[in-house]
Protein backbone atom coordinates (compact mmCIF):
# COMPACT_ATOMS: atom_id res chain seq x y z
CA MET A 1 25.90 -9.77 -23.13
CA ILE A 2 26.78 -5.95 -22.53
CA VAL A 3 28.80 -6.73 -18.79
CA GLU A 4 30.49 -10.05 -17.98
CA ALA A 5 32.26 -11.16 -14.99
CA CYS A 6 33.51 -13.92 -14.29
CA ASP A 7 36.33 -14.68 -10.59
CA LEU A 8 35.80 -11.22 -10.05
CA ARG A 9 38.81 -10.75 -6.76
CA PHE A 10 39.95 -6.95 -6.15
CA THR A 11 41.52 -6.55 -2.52
CA TYR A 12 42.00 -2.80 -1.35
CA PRO A 13 45.69 -2.29 -0.07
CA GLY A 14 46.56 -3.76 3.34
CA ALA A 15 43.68 -5.43 3.51
CA ALA A 16 42.91 -9.24 5.24
CA LYS A 17 40.85 -10.75 2.58
CA PRO A 18 39.54 -9.10 -0.37
CA ALA A 19 36.56 -6.41 -1.01
CA ILE A 20 34.31 -9.18 -3.65
CA ASP A 21 35.82 -12.24 -4.08
CA ASP A 22 34.48 -14.59 -6.77
CA LEU A 23 31.95 -12.49 -8.63
CA GLY A 24 30.13 -14.14 -10.73
CA PHE A 25 27.54 -12.12 -13.27
CA SER A 26 26.32 -10.58 -16.73
CA VAL A 27 23.91 -7.87 -17.94
CA GLY A 28 22.57 -8.20 -20.85
CA GLU A 29 21.83 -4.84 -23.69
CA GLY A 30 18.22 -3.20 -22.53
CA GLU A 31 18.25 -4.97 -18.87
CA VAL A 32 18.18 -3.66 -15.66
CA PHE A 33 20.14 -5.44 -13.46
CA GLY A 34 19.64 -5.09 -9.97
CA PHE A 35 22.77 -5.03 -7.25
CA LEU A 36 21.90 -5.44 -3.74
CA GLY A 37 23.39 -5.94 -0.94
CA PRO A 38 24.10 -3.52 2.53
CA ASN A 39 26.25 -1.52 3.13
CA GLY A 40 30.18 -2.45 2.76
CA SER A 41 28.91 -5.56 1.18
CA GLY A 42 31.59 -4.27 -2.12
CA LYS A 43 28.96 -2.74 -4.26
CA SER A 44 30.79 0.70 -4.79
CA THR A 45 33.82 -1.34 -5.36
CA THR A 46 31.79 -3.54 -8.07
CA GLN A 47 31.16 -0.35 -9.20
CA LYS A 48 34.57 1.44 -9.64
CA VAL A 49 36.28 -1.40 -10.94
CA LEU A 50 33.65 -1.68 -14.15
CA THR A 51 34.19 1.83 -14.87
CA LYS A 52 38.07 1.72 -14.73
CA ILE A 53 38.40 3.68 -11.90
CA LEU A 54 40.05 0.55 -9.72
CA GLN A 55 42.59 -1.04 -11.57
CA GLY A 56 44.18 -4.33 -10.85
CA TYR A 57 41.71 -6.47 -10.03
CA GLU A 58 42.15 -10.64 -10.33
CA GLY A 59 39.66 -11.96 -12.93
CA ARG A 60 37.90 -11.30 -15.85
CA VAL A 61 35.47 -8.11 -16.51
CA GLU A 62 34.66 -7.66 -19.61
CA VAL A 63 32.24 -4.87 -21.03
CA PHE A 64 31.14 -4.53 -24.68
CA GLY A 65 32.69 -7.73 -25.53
CA ARG A 66 35.76 -6.30 -24.56
CA ASP A 67 38.42 -6.67 -21.46
CA VAL A 68 37.67 -3.34 -18.75
CA ARG A 69 41.84 -3.47 -18.85
CA ARG A 70 41.95 -3.22 -23.00
CA HIS A 71 39.60 -0.41 -23.31
CA GLY A 72 41.35 3.20 -23.62
CA SER A 73 39.73 7.04 -23.21
CA ASP A 74 37.05 6.65 -25.55
CA TYR A 75 34.72 3.67 -22.88
CA PHE A 76 33.78 6.86 -21.14
CA ASN A 77 31.13 7.98 -24.57
CA GLU A 78 29.52 4.96 -23.79
CA ILE A 79 29.12 4.90 -20.06
CA GLY A 80 26.94 7.31 -17.68
CA VAL A 81 27.57 7.17 -14.14
CA CYS A 82 25.23 8.96 -11.17
CA PHE A 83 26.62 8.20 -7.60
CA GLU A 84 23.91 8.38 -4.55
CA PHE A 85 25.92 11.94 -3.60
CA PRO A 86 25.80 14.88 -5.88
CA ASN A 87 29.33 15.58 -7.00
CA LEU A 88 29.01 18.77 -9.04
CA TYR A 89 30.74 22.57 -9.68
CA GLU A 90 28.10 24.12 -6.77
CA LYS A 91 29.64 27.56 -7.55
CA LEU A 92 28.40 27.41 -11.85
CA THR A 93 24.99 26.97 -12.79
CA ALA A 94 22.82 23.66 -13.69
CA GLU A 95 23.65 24.94 -17.48
CA GLU A 96 27.56 26.13 -17.12
CA ASN A 97 27.88 21.97 -15.51
CA LEU A 98 26.41 20.41 -18.84
CA GLY A 99 27.72 22.70 -21.13
CA PHE A 100 31.86 21.82 -19.20
CA TYR A 101 30.50 18.32 -18.68
CA ARG A 102 29.46 17.76 -22.26
CA ASP A 103 33.11 19.16 -23.55
CA PHE A 104 34.72 16.48 -22.37
CA PHE A 105 33.30 13.79 -24.69
CA ASP A 106 33.87 13.35 -28.80
CA ILE A 107 30.39 12.56 -29.61
CA PRO A 108 27.06 13.71 -29.20
CA THR A 109 25.60 15.29 -26.38
CA ASP A 110 21.98 16.22 -25.47
CA GLU A 111 21.36 19.44 -25.35
CA PRO A 112 21.46 20.53 -21.48
CA ARG A 113 18.37 22.92 -21.55
CA GLU A 114 16.52 19.82 -23.34
CA ALA A 115 18.54 17.07 -20.84
CA LEU A 116 16.74 19.42 -17.76
CA ALA A 117 13.49 19.81 -19.03
CA ARG A 118 13.50 15.97 -18.83
CA LEU A 119 13.98 15.11 -15.37
CA ASP A 120 11.44 18.24 -14.22
CA LEU A 121 15.23 20.54 -13.47
CA PRO A 122 14.47 24.64 -14.26
CA VAL A 123 15.38 26.75 -17.49
CA GLY A 124 17.73 29.24 -17.15
CA ASP A 125 18.23 29.54 -13.85
CA SER A 126 20.70 31.31 -12.97
CA ARG A 127 21.77 30.47 -9.61
CA PRO A 128 24.64 28.36 -8.86
CA VAL A 129 23.76 24.86 -8.32
CA SER A 130 24.93 25.74 -4.34
CA GLN A 131 21.30 27.35 -4.36
CA TRP A 132 19.65 24.99 -5.30
CA SER A 133 18.21 22.06 -2.98
CA LYS A 134 19.42 18.81 -2.36
CA GLY A 135 16.52 16.01 -3.95
CA MET A 136 17.13 19.01 -7.32
CA LYS A 137 21.49 18.80 -7.41
CA MET A 138 20.72 14.79 -7.21
CA ARG A 139 18.38 15.37 -10.51
CA LEU A 140 20.78 17.91 -12.01
CA THR A 141 24.19 14.74 -11.33
CA LEU A 142 21.90 11.84 -13.05
CA THR A 143 20.50 14.24 -16.21
CA ARG A 144 24.55 14.68 -16.26
CA SER A 145 25.06 11.06 -17.13
CA LEU A 146 22.63 11.04 -19.58
CA LEU A 147 24.47 13.90 -21.71
CA ASN A 148 26.52 11.18 -23.74
CA ARG A 149 23.52 8.75 -24.08
CA PRO A 150 24.87 6.11 -22.72
CA ARG A 151 24.97 2.48 -23.23
CA LEU A 152 25.63 1.55 -20.26
CA TRP A 153 24.50 3.76 -16.98
CA PHE A 154 25.76 3.37 -13.22
CA LEU A 155 23.35 4.48 -10.66
CA ASP A 156 23.71 3.99 -7.55
CA GLU A 157 20.58 5.47 -5.05
CA PRO A 158 18.79 6.75 -8.11
CA THR A 159 16.39 8.31 -5.96
CA THR A 160 17.47 8.81 -2.78
CA GLY A 161 16.39 12.46 -1.01
CA GLN A 162 13.51 12.82 -4.07
CA ASP A 163 9.53 13.57 -3.27
CA PRO A 164 7.30 10.93 -4.62
CA HIS A 165 6.03 12.76 -7.96
CA HIS A 166 10.20 13.20 -8.42
CA ALA A 167 10.63 9.02 -8.23
CA VAL A 168 8.63 8.12 -9.76
CA MET A 169 9.73 10.27 -12.52
CA ILE A 170 12.94 8.58 -12.63
CA ARG A 171 11.88 5.53 -12.09
CA ARG A 172 9.11 5.81 -15.25
CA LEU A 173 12.64 7.75 -16.95
CA ILE A 174 14.93 4.48 -16.10
CA ARG A 175 12.46 1.62 -17.09
CA GLU A 176 12.56 3.81 -20.60
CA LYS A 177 15.59 3.86 -21.46
CA ALA A 178 16.11 0.24 -20.71
CA ASP A 179 13.55 -0.44 -22.78
CA GLU A 180 15.08 1.79 -25.58
CA GLY A 181 18.64 -0.90 -25.28
CA THR A 182 20.54 1.34 -22.30
CA SER A 183 21.68 -1.82 -19.92
CA VAL A 184 21.14 -0.29 -16.79
CA PHE A 185 23.80 -1.06 -13.31
CA LEU A 186 21.63 0.28 -9.75
CA THR A 187 22.79 -0.36 -6.61
CA THR A 188 20.06 0.70 -4.37
CA HIS A 189 18.88 -0.32 -0.77
CA ASP A 190 15.20 0.31 -0.97
CA MET A 191 13.78 -2.97 -2.44
CA THR A 192 10.22 -1.74 -3.72
CA VAL A 193 12.62 0.53 -6.09
CA ALA A 194 14.11 -2.58 -6.76
CA ASP A 195 11.45 -5.04 -7.39
CA GLU A 196 8.95 -2.28 -9.85
CA LEU A 197 12.53 -1.74 -11.52
CA CYS A 198 14.78 -4.97 -11.64
CA ASP A 199 15.20 -7.83 -14.81
CA ARG A 200 17.16 -9.93 -12.37
CA VAL A 201 19.39 -8.29 -9.19
CA ALA A 202 22.03 -9.92 -7.34
CA PHE A 203 22.31 -10.70 -3.44
CA LEU A 204 25.53 -9.52 -2.63
CA VAL A 205 27.09 -10.19 0.43
CA ASP A 206 30.29 -9.70 2.49
CA GLY A 207 31.58 -9.61 -1.15
CA HIS A 208 30.37 -12.11 -2.27
CA VAL A 209 27.32 -12.41 -4.50
CA LEU A 210 25.35 -15.53 -3.27
CA VAL A 211 22.23 -15.45 -6.30
CA VAL A 212 21.49 -14.10 -9.47
CA ASP A 213 17.83 -14.42 -10.52
CA THR A 214 14.51 -12.02 -11.42
CA PRO A 215 12.61 -10.80 -8.61
CA ARG A 216 9.25 -12.81 -9.89
CA ARG A 217 11.35 -16.10 -9.21
CA LEU A 218 12.62 -15.65 -6.03
CA LYS A 219 9.39 -14.47 -4.82
CA LEU A 220 7.79 -17.88 -5.81
CA GLU A 221 10.42 -19.88 -4.58
CA HIS A 222 10.05 -18.16 -0.91
CA ARG A 223 6.65 -18.37 -1.46
CA ASN A 224 3.48 -18.83 1.40
CA HIS A 225 0.32 -19.91 0.35
CA ARG A 226 -1.22 -18.28 3.42
CA VAL A 227 -4.20 -15.98 3.98
CA GLU A 228 -5.09 -13.95 5.52
CA VAL A 229 -9.35 -12.81 6.14
CA GLU A 230 -11.21 -9.73 7.86
CA THR A 231 -14.74 -9.91 8.17
CA LEU A 232 -17.21 -7.69 10.04
CA VAL A 233 -19.34 -9.90 12.98
CA ASN A 234 -21.49 -8.73 14.93
CA GLU A 235 -20.51 -5.09 14.65
CA SER A 236 -17.20 -6.05 15.42
CA THR A 237 -13.94 -6.71 12.73
CA GLU A 238 -12.15 -10.60 13.00
CA HIS A 239 -9.40 -11.83 11.28
CA ARG A 240 -8.98 -15.75 10.13
CA GLY A 241 -5.55 -17.17 8.44
CA PHE A 242 -6.21 -20.07 6.87
CA ASP A 243 -2.60 -21.79 4.62
CA LEU A 244 -4.35 -22.76 1.05
CA SER A 245 -2.51 -25.63 1.67
CA ASP A 246 -3.76 -27.65 3.01
CA PRO A 247 -7.34 -29.25 1.65
CA LYS A 248 -9.27 -29.02 4.12
CA ASP A 249 -7.87 -25.92 5.30
CA LYS A 250 -8.61 -24.48 1.58
CA GLN A 251 -12.79 -26.05 2.07
CA ALA A 252 -12.17 -24.40 5.26
CA PHE A 253 -11.78 -21.01 3.57
CA VAL A 254 -13.96 -21.56 0.72
CA ASP A 255 -16.32 -22.18 3.04
CA PHE A 256 -15.51 -18.90 5.30
CA VAL A 257 -16.12 -16.77 2.15
CA ARG A 258 -19.21 -18.01 1.13
CA ASP A 259 -20.93 -17.33 4.38
CA HIS A 260 -19.00 -14.44 5.73
CA ASP A 261 -19.26 -10.11 4.41
CA ILE A 262 -16.08 -10.14 3.67
CA GLU A 263 -14.45 -7.13 4.17
CA THR A 264 -10.29 -7.69 2.69
CA ILE A 265 -8.06 -10.77 2.14
CA HIS A 266 -4.89 -10.18 1.61
CA THR A 267 -2.13 -12.97 0.98
CA GLN A 268 0.98 -12.91 2.34
CA GLU A 269 3.59 -13.77 -0.36
CA PRO A 270 7.00 -12.24 0.74
CA THR A 271 8.57 -9.29 -0.48
CA LEU A 272 11.90 -8.88 -2.10
CA GLU A 273 13.40 -7.57 1.29
CA ASP A 274 11.33 -11.00 2.85
CA VAL A 275 13.30 -12.87 0.09
CA PHE A 276 16.99 -10.78 0.79
CA LEU A 277 16.54 -11.51 4.11
CA ARG A 278 16.00 -15.20 4.58
CA THR A 279 18.81 -15.82 1.40
CA THR A 280 21.78 -14.05 3.70
CA GLY A 281 21.09 -14.04 6.35
CA ARG A 282 21.30 -10.28 6.73
CA ALA A 283 19.11 -7.14 6.16
CA LEU A 284 19.39 -4.19 3.91
CA SER A 285 20.41 -0.14 5.91
CA GLU A 286 17.15 1.84 5.60
CA PRO A 287 17.39 4.51 2.63
CA GLU A 288 17.84 8.17 3.79
CA ARG A 289 14.87 9.62 3.71
CA PRO A 290 13.99 12.55 1.47
CA SER A 291 15.15 16.12 2.33
């Protein structure tokens, strides 16, 4: 395993209760692991422990087979971090930002111009990044997090502020990196992104992990067998619902389909958002809209 956490607990100074409590999870090599929860659930705290920003935690946390506390500065050669909000040197150009950042590493890094082109960012742009759009800044932050070719990639709302074209591009890049062996620790409010990308997800509420499983198994566990059929009768649209777990309703559905011109048939399977709500009793907040 690339990441293993057991009985992980962290309490901020002066706080009445832990921000995260008794967490246990693992992340495999080349796995996209979704860490999903509403605001204030402990996602950022967990990320900060794993990236050595927060010390003083309790429990066991190992990354690359070694206790996080025992990693030295070379640890940062092997991880990439992209937070939700861009944190760039606004007076520098994109290439100057990347050039400055790559000097922190003592391992081979990607060339800035090649890295920019990979995420559809302009090469040779002389403008300071303060003049770039929010979506471009976010992609630059994402580009920067990959310069050192990390083994473990932390992503927080990676498609924030992106138009549909660039959101698809980012999702494809994440999947490509995972297929190449990079482990991805993903936090997001966008359950469509989580469902599409994640090999497994953890549901986090009030500092506790309630469940860890694949999106498919979670949805199957909460599935129902109802279908909604739409048909045209005398130039009017009519809707009928059938519960296919009931033998009589199942036969009625077969007869109905045989005897009518069907316009649409929809299964009523739960989304990952539905499963999260049913499992935790909480809803995720709405993600930020593209600007």
